[in-house]
Amino acid sequence: MTILTSIHQYGIYLGIAGFIIWGGLLGYCINGVVRTMRQARLFSVPLVDRQEIDFVEAGRVVLCMEGPLFSKRFANLEYDLTGSNGMEAKNRMALLRVSSSSFTKARMVLKVYDIDCPGRYVFQIRGLEGAKPSDGEHEMVFTRPYLFRSMLYLLGIVLAACLTISSIVLFFLRLESV
């Protein structure tokens, strides 16, 4: 009972301190998820049938599509990544087709490639059916895997937001009883 009495007695101070601490954590997590998305981006390529691209290091690479909101340009397309030796890079469909968007653009994860060795690869897109005027607004983006870190930041955002709101409520409840 003494804990609840102490919270009630010092509710104004706890509310202010909690708002500052949890609000700071909320800002840190929001900044972290934006920073993670920016740092994960390796490069982007235009939407064309066939092109050569260079990977400077081996490892997992995530293929994403990026374009205007509600675009149907990527519908029914197939993607191939072939090494300089003619072998197709190991790939799989993304388990979670994570999407992120801003006010004008959207990005969605498509495939995960395993790049065995750095070098030149040929990236092919089947089903494009020629160039269209809006192709300049669309691009294919290669990133490092970022799902786990962004999900941790998302959990931090939800927790910090709940605690920030709780500290505001505690402050006003205690302020009312003064």
C-alpha atoms as a PDB file:
ATOM      1  CA  MET A   1       0.000   0.000   0.000  1.00  0.00           C
ATOM      2  CA  THR A   2       2.901   2.368   0.618  1.00  0.00           C
ATOM      3  CA  ILE A   3       3.948   2.204  -3.029  1.00  0.00           C
ATOM      4  CA  LEU A   4       0.549   3.379  -4.229  1.00  0.00           C
ATOM      5  CA  THR A   5       0.525   6.087  -1.590  1.00  0.00           C
ATOM      6  CA  SER A   6       3.950   7.274  -2.722  1.00  0.00           C
ATOM      7  CA  ILE A   7       2.853   7.296  -6.368  1.00  0.00           C
ATOM      8  CA  HIS A   8      -0.220   9.296  -5.416  1.00  0.00           C
ATOM      9  CA  GLN A   9       1.790  11.687  -3.240  1.00  0.00           C
ATOM     10  CA  TYR A  10       4.519  12.360  -5.826  1.00  0.00           C
ATOM     11  CA  GLY A  11       2.337  11.889  -8.934  1.00  0.00           C
ATOM     12  CA  ILE A  12       3.053  15.326 -10.373  1.00  0.00           C
ATOM     13  CA  TYR A  13       6.822  14.838 -10.193  1.00  0.00           C
ATOM     14  CA  LEU A  14       6.631  11.252 -11.452  1.00  0.00           C
ATOM     15  CA  GLY A  15       4.404  12.364 -14.321  1.00  0.00           C
ATOM     16  CA  ILE A  16       6.838  15.092 -15.394  1.00  0.00           C
ATOM     17  CA  ALA A  17       9.902  12.847 -15.058  1.00  0.00           C
ATOM     18  CA  GLY A  18       8.151   9.977 -16.836  1.00  0.00           C
ATOM     19  CA  PHE A  19       7.057  12.253 -19.675  1.00  0.00           C
ATOM     20  CA  ILE A  20      10.627  13.469 -20.201  1.00  0.00           C
ATOM     21  CA  ILE A  21      12.194   9.997 -19.982  1.00  0.00           C
ATOM     22  CA  TRP A  22       9.591   8.088 -22.016  1.00  0.00           C
ATOM     23  CA  GLY A  23       9.160  10.912 -24.514  1.00  0.00           C
ATOM     24  CA  GLY A  24      12.930  10.877 -25.053  1.00  0.00           C
ATOM     25  CA  LEU A  25      12.868   7.110 -25.557  1.00  0.00           C
ATOM     26  CA  LEU A  26       9.999   7.506 -28.017  1.00  0.00           C
ATOM     27  CA  GLY A  27      11.987  10.052 -30.031  1.00  0.00           C
ATOM     28  CA  TYR A  28      15.066   7.817 -29.939  1.00  0.00           C
ATOM     29  CA  CYS A  29      13.117   4.805 -31.255  1.00  0.00           C
ATOM     30  CA  ILE A  30      11.456   6.795 -34.045  1.00  0.00           C
ATOM     31  CA  ASN A  31      14.835   8.185 -35.076  1.00  0.00           C
ATOM     32  CA  GLY A  32      16.312   4.679 -34.865  1.00  0.00           C
ATOM     33  CA  VAL A  33      13.813   3.096 -37.247  1.00  0.00           C
ATOM     34  CA  VAL A  34      14.315   5.900 -39.792  1.00  0.00           C
ATOM     35  CA  ARG A  35      18.110   5.618 -39.450  1.00  0.00           C
ATOM     36  CA  THR A  36      17.945   1.821 -39.860  1.00  0.00           C
ATOM     37  CA  MET A  37      15.988   2.146 -43.112  1.00  0.00           C
ATOM     38  CA  ARG A  38      18.441   4.705 -44.498  1.00  0.00           C
ATOM     39  CA  GLN A  39      21.566   2.780 -43.523  1.00  0.00           C
ATOM     40  CA  ALA A  40      20.243  -0.499 -44.922  1.00  0.00           C
ATOM     41  CA  ARG A  41      19.896   0.877 -48.467  1.00  0.00           C
ATOM     42  CA  LEU A  42      22.750  -0.266 -50.700  1.00  0.00           C
ATOM     43  CA  PHE A  43      21.697   1.145 -54.072  1.00  0.00           C
ATOM     44  CA  SER A  44      18.761   1.458 -56.432  1.00  0.00           C
ATOM     45  CA  VAL A  45      18.450   0.697 -60.108  1.00  0.00           C
ATOM     46  CA  PRO A  46      15.919   1.900 -62.680  1.00  0.00           C
ATOM     47  CA  LEU A  47      13.084  -0.282 -63.873  1.00  0.00           C
ATOM     48  CA  VAL A  48      14.497  -1.824 -67.064  1.00  0.00           C
ATOM     49  CA  ASP A  49      14.466  -5.363 -68.523  1.00  0.00           C
ATOM     50  CA  ARG A  50      18.151  -6.179 -68.074  1.00  0.00           C
ATOM     51  CA  GLN A  51      21.089  -4.442 -66.424  1.00  0.00           C
ATOM     52  CA  GLU A  52      24.436  -5.182 -64.851  1.00  0.00           C
ATOM     53  CA  ILE A  53      25.015  -4.315 -61.218  1.00  0.00           C
ATOM     54  CA  ASP A  54      28.025  -4.606 -58.922  1.00  0.00           C
ATOM     55  CA  PHE A  55      27.981  -5.949 -55.394  1.00  0.00           C
ATOM     56  CA  VAL A  56      31.061  -4.930 -53.412  1.00  0.00           C
ATOM     57  CA  GLU A  57      30.605  -7.479 -50.623  1.00  0.00           C
ATOM     58  CA  ALA A  58      29.125 -10.924 -50.156  1.00  0.00           C
ATOM     59  CA  GLY A  59      26.142 -11.636 -47.939  1.00  0.00           C
ATOM     60  CA  ARG A  60      22.388 -11.374 -47.871  1.00  0.00           C
ATOM     61  CA  VAL A  61      20.718  -8.725 -49.987  1.00  0.00           C
ATOM     62  CA  VAL A  62      17.030  -7.816 -49.972  1.00  0.00           C
ATOM     63  CA  LEU A  63      15.294  -6.797 -53.204  1.00  0.00           C
ATOM     64  CA  CYS A  64      12.563  -4.171 -52.789  1.00  0.00           C
ATOM     65  CA  MET A  65      10.306  -2.371 -55.209  1.00  0.00           C
ATOM     66  CA  GLU A  66       9.796   1.356 -54.773  1.00  0.00           C
ATOM     67  CA  GLY A  67       7.338   3.596 -56.542  1.00  0.00           C
ATOM     68  CA  PRO A  68       4.378   5.924 -56.203  1.00  0.00           C
ATOM     69  CA  LEU A  69       1.559   4.936 -53.862  1.00  0.00           C
ATOM     70  CA  PHE A  70      -1.005   2.553 -55.390  1.00  0.00           C
ATOM     71  CA  SER A  71       1.152   1.853 -58.461  1.00  0.00           C
ATOM     72  CA  LYS A  72       0.405  -1.363 -60.353  1.00  0.00           C
ATOM     73  CA  ARG A  73       3.587  -1.268 -62.425  1.00  0.00           C
ATOM     74  CA  PHE A  74       5.172  -4.107 -60.419  1.00  0.00           C
ATOM     75  CA  ALA A  75       2.271  -6.543 -60.868  1.00  0.00           C
ATOM     76  CA  ASN A  76       3.161  -9.973 -62.359  1.00  0.00           C
ATOM     77  CA  LEU A  77       6.888  -9.305 -62.654  1.00  0.00           C
ATOM     78  CA  GLU A  78       9.589 -11.930 -62.095  1.00  0.00           C
ATOM     79  CA  TYR A  79      13.155 -11.179 -61.050  1.00  0.00           C
ATOM     80  CA  ASP A  80      16.434 -13.006 -61.708  1.00  0.00           C
ATOM     81  CA  LEU A  81      19.935 -12.257 -60.473  1.00  0.00           C
ATOM     82  CA  THR A  82      22.697 -14.093 -62.324  1.00  0.00           C
ATOM     83  CA  GLY A  83      26.405 -14.016 -61.486  1.00  0.00           C
ATOM     84  CA  SER A  84      29.223 -13.440 -63.951  1.00  0.00           C
ATOM     85  CA  ASN A  85      29.789 -17.208 -64.029  1.00  0.00           C
ATOM     86  CA  GLY A  86      26.228 -17.747 -65.333  1.00  0.00           C
ATOM     87  CA  MET A  87      24.926 -19.243 -62.072  1.00  0.00           C
ATOM     88  CA  GLU A  88      21.739 -17.799 -60.645  1.00  0.00           C
ATOM     89  CA  ALA A  89      22.125 -16.334 -57.157  1.00  0.00           C
ATOM     90  CA  LYS A  90      20.350 -18.291 -54.430  1.00  0.00           C
ATOM     91  CA  ASN A  91      17.097 -16.596 -53.573  1.00  0.00           C
ATOM     92  CA  ARG A  92      13.845 -17.018 -51.744  1.00  0.00           C
ATOM     93  CA  MET A  93      10.659 -15.070 -51.351  1.00  0.00           C
ATOM     94  CA  ALA A  94      10.608 -12.818 -48.311  1.00  0.00           C
ATOM     95  CA  LEU A  95       8.820 -14.423 -45.377  1.00  0.00           C
ATOM     96  CA  LEU A  96       7.294 -11.087 -44.391  1.00  0.00           C
ATOM     97  CA  ARG A  97       6.605  -8.747 -47.289  1.00  0.00           C
ATOM     98  CA  VAL A  98       7.237  -5.675 -45.225  1.00  0.00           C
ATOM     99  CA  SER A  99       6.162  -2.395 -46.748  1.00  0.00           C
ATOM    100  CA  SER A 100       6.955   1.155 -45.761  1.00  0.00           C
ATOM    101  CA  SER A 101       5.619   4.344 -47.220  1.00  0.00           C
ATOM    102  CA  SER A 102       5.824   8.086 -47.103  1.00  0.00           C
ATOM    103  CA  PHE A 103       3.270  10.563 -48.411  1.00  0.00           C
ATOM    104  CA  THR A 104       4.268   9.976 -52.042  1.00  0.00           C
ATOM    105  CA  LYS A 105       6.260   6.707 -52.272  1.00  0.00           C
ATOM    106  CA  ALA A 106       5.950   3.146 -51.061  1.00  0.00           C
ATOM    107  CA  ARG A 107       8.550   0.387 -50.735  1.00  0.00           C
ATOM    108  CA  MET A 108       7.859  -3.337 -50.405  1.00  0.00           C
ATOM    109  CA  VAL A 109      10.238  -6.245 -49.832  1.00  0.00           C
ATOM    110  CA  LEU A 110      10.116  -8.896 -52.591  1.00  0.00           C
ATOM    111  CA  LYS A 111      13.018 -11.358 -52.400  1.00  0.00           C
ATOM    112  CA  VAL A 112      16.121 -12.184 -50.402  1.00  0.00           C
ATOM    113  CA  TYR A 113      19.280 -13.064 -52.347  1.00  0.00           C
ATOM    114  CA  ASP A 114      22.431 -14.740 -51.048  1.00  0.00           C
ATOM    115  CA  ILE A 115      25.425 -13.168 -52.769  1.00  0.00           C
ATOM    116  CA  ASP A 116      28.224 -15.748 -52.611  1.00  0.00           C
ATOM    117  CA  CYS A 117      31.019 -13.538 -53.861  1.00  0.00           C
ATOM    118  CA  PRO A 118      31.329  -9.844 -54.686  1.00  0.00           C
ATOM    119  CA  GLY A 119      31.336  -8.880 -58.324  1.00  0.00           C
ATOM    120  CA  ARG A 120      29.199  -8.107 -61.318  1.00  0.00           C
ATOM    121  CA  TYR A 121      25.734  -9.604 -61.582  1.00  0.00           C
ATOM    122  CA  VAL A 122      23.039  -9.392 -64.238  1.00  0.00           C
ATOM    123  CA  PHE A 123      19.639  -8.343 -62.930  1.00  0.00           C
ATOM    124  CA  GLN A 124      16.691  -9.228 -65.160  1.00  0.00           C
ATOM    125  CA  ILE A 125      13.033  -8.332 -64.847  1.00  0.00           C
ATOM    126  CA  ARG A 126      10.582 -10.423 -66.847  1.00  0.00           C
ATOM    127  CA  GLY A 127       7.092  -9.227 -67.677  1.00  0.00           C
ATOM    128  CA  LEU A 128       7.767  -5.489 -68.031  1.00  0.00           C
ATOM    129  CA  GLU A 129       6.272  -5.312 -71.546  1.00  0.00           C
ATOM    130  CA  GLY A 130       8.351  -2.330 -72.628  1.00  0.00           C
ATOM    131  CA  ALA A 131       9.028   1.074 -71.159  1.00  0.00           C
ATOM    132  CA  LYS A 132       6.229   3.288 -69.889  1.00  0.00           C
ATOM    133  CA  PRO A 133       6.289   7.058 -69.248  1.00  0.00           C
ATOM    134  CA  SER A 134       5.978   6.583 -65.481  1.00  0.00           C
ATOM    135  CA  ASP A 135       9.017   4.257 -65.233  1.00  0.00           C
ATOM    136  CA  GLY A 136      11.177   7.143 -64.010  1.00  0.00           C
ATOM    137  CA  GLU A 137       9.180   7.181 -60.770  1.00  0.00           C
ATOM    138  CA  HIS A 138       9.709   3.442 -60.161  1.00  0.00           C
ATOM    139  CA  GLU A 139      12.910   1.711 -59.108  1.00  0.00           C
ATOM    140  CA  MET A 140      14.271  -1.512 -57.697  1.00  0.00           C
ATOM    141  CA  VAL A 141      16.122  -1.070 -54.397  1.00  0.00           C
ATOM    142  CA  PHE A 142      18.741  -3.421 -52.951  1.00  0.00           C
ATOM    143  CA  THR A 143      19.172  -3.255 -49.173  1.00  0.00           C
ATOM    144  CA  ARG A 144      20.800  -5.134 -46.351  1.00  0.00           C
ATOM    145  CA  PRO A 145      18.362  -7.089 -44.149  1.00  0.00           C
ATOM    146  CA  TYR A 146      16.785  -4.685 -41.661  1.00  0.00           C
ATOM    147  CA  LEU A 147      13.595  -6.391 -40.496  1.00  0.00           C
ATOM    148  CA  PHE A 148      14.781  -7.524 -37.042  1.00  0.00           C
ATOM    149  CA  ARG A 149      16.188  -4.135 -36.015  1.00  0.00           C
ATOM    150  CA  SER A 150      13.178  -2.243 -37.289  1.00  0.00           C
ATOM    151  CA  MET A 151      10.812  -4.593 -35.415  1.00  0.00           C
ATOM    152  CA  LEU A 152      12.758  -4.005 -32.178  1.00  0.00           C
ATOM    153  CA  TYR A 153      12.472  -0.262 -32.686  1.00  0.00           C
ATOM    154  CA  LEU A 154       8.754  -0.676 -33.410  1.00  0.00           C
ATOM    155  CA  LEU A 155       8.264  -2.493 -30.101  1.00  0.00           C
ATOM    156  CA  GLY A 156      10.200   0.308 -28.403  1.00  0.00           C
ATOM    157  CA  ILE A 157       7.926   2.887 -30.039  1.00  0.00           C
ATOM    158  CA  VAL A 158       4.781   1.134 -28.803  1.00  0.00           C
ATOM    159  CA  LEU A 159       6.145   0.681 -25.257  1.00  0.00           C
ATOM    160  CA  ALA A 160       7.487   4.248 -25.012  1.00  0.00           C
ATOM    161  CA  ALA A 161       4.231   5.696 -26.363  1.00  0.00           C
ATOM    162  CA  CYS A 162       2.181   3.768 -23.803  1.00  0.00           C
ATOM    163  CA  LEU A 163       4.433   4.875 -20.950  1.00  0.00           C
ATOM    164  CA  THR A 164       4.450   8.493 -22.166  1.00  0.00           C
ATOM    165  CA  ILE A 165       0.647   8.542 -22.250  1.00  0.00           C
ATOM    166  CA  SER A 166       0.551   6.897 -18.808  1.00  0.00           C
ATOM    167  CA  SER A 167       2.815   9.580 -17.351  1.00  0.00           C
ATOM    168  CA  ILE A 168       0.598  12.324 -18.822  1.00  0.00           C
ATOM    169  CA  VAL A 169      -2.500  10.677 -17.312  1.00  0.00           C
ATOM    170  CA  LEU A 170      -0.747  10.292 -13.933  1.00  0.00           C
ATOM    171  CA  PHE A 171       0.245  13.964 -13.992  1.00  0.00           C
ATOM    172  CA  PHE A 172      -3.276  15.193 -14.724  1.00  0.00           C
ATOM    173  CA  LEU A 173      -4.938  12.818 -12.263  1.00  0.00           C
ATOM    174  CA  ARG A 174      -2.667  14.016  -9.482  1.00  0.00           C
ATOM    175  CA  LEU A 175      -3.023  17.653 -10.596  1.00  0.00           C
ATOM    176  CA  GLU A 176      -6.812  17.351 -10.323  1.00  0.00           C
ATOM    177  CA  SER A 177      -6.692  16.097  -6.751  1.00  0.00           C
ATOM    178  CA  VAL A 178      -4.468  18.955  -5.542  1.00  0.00           C
END
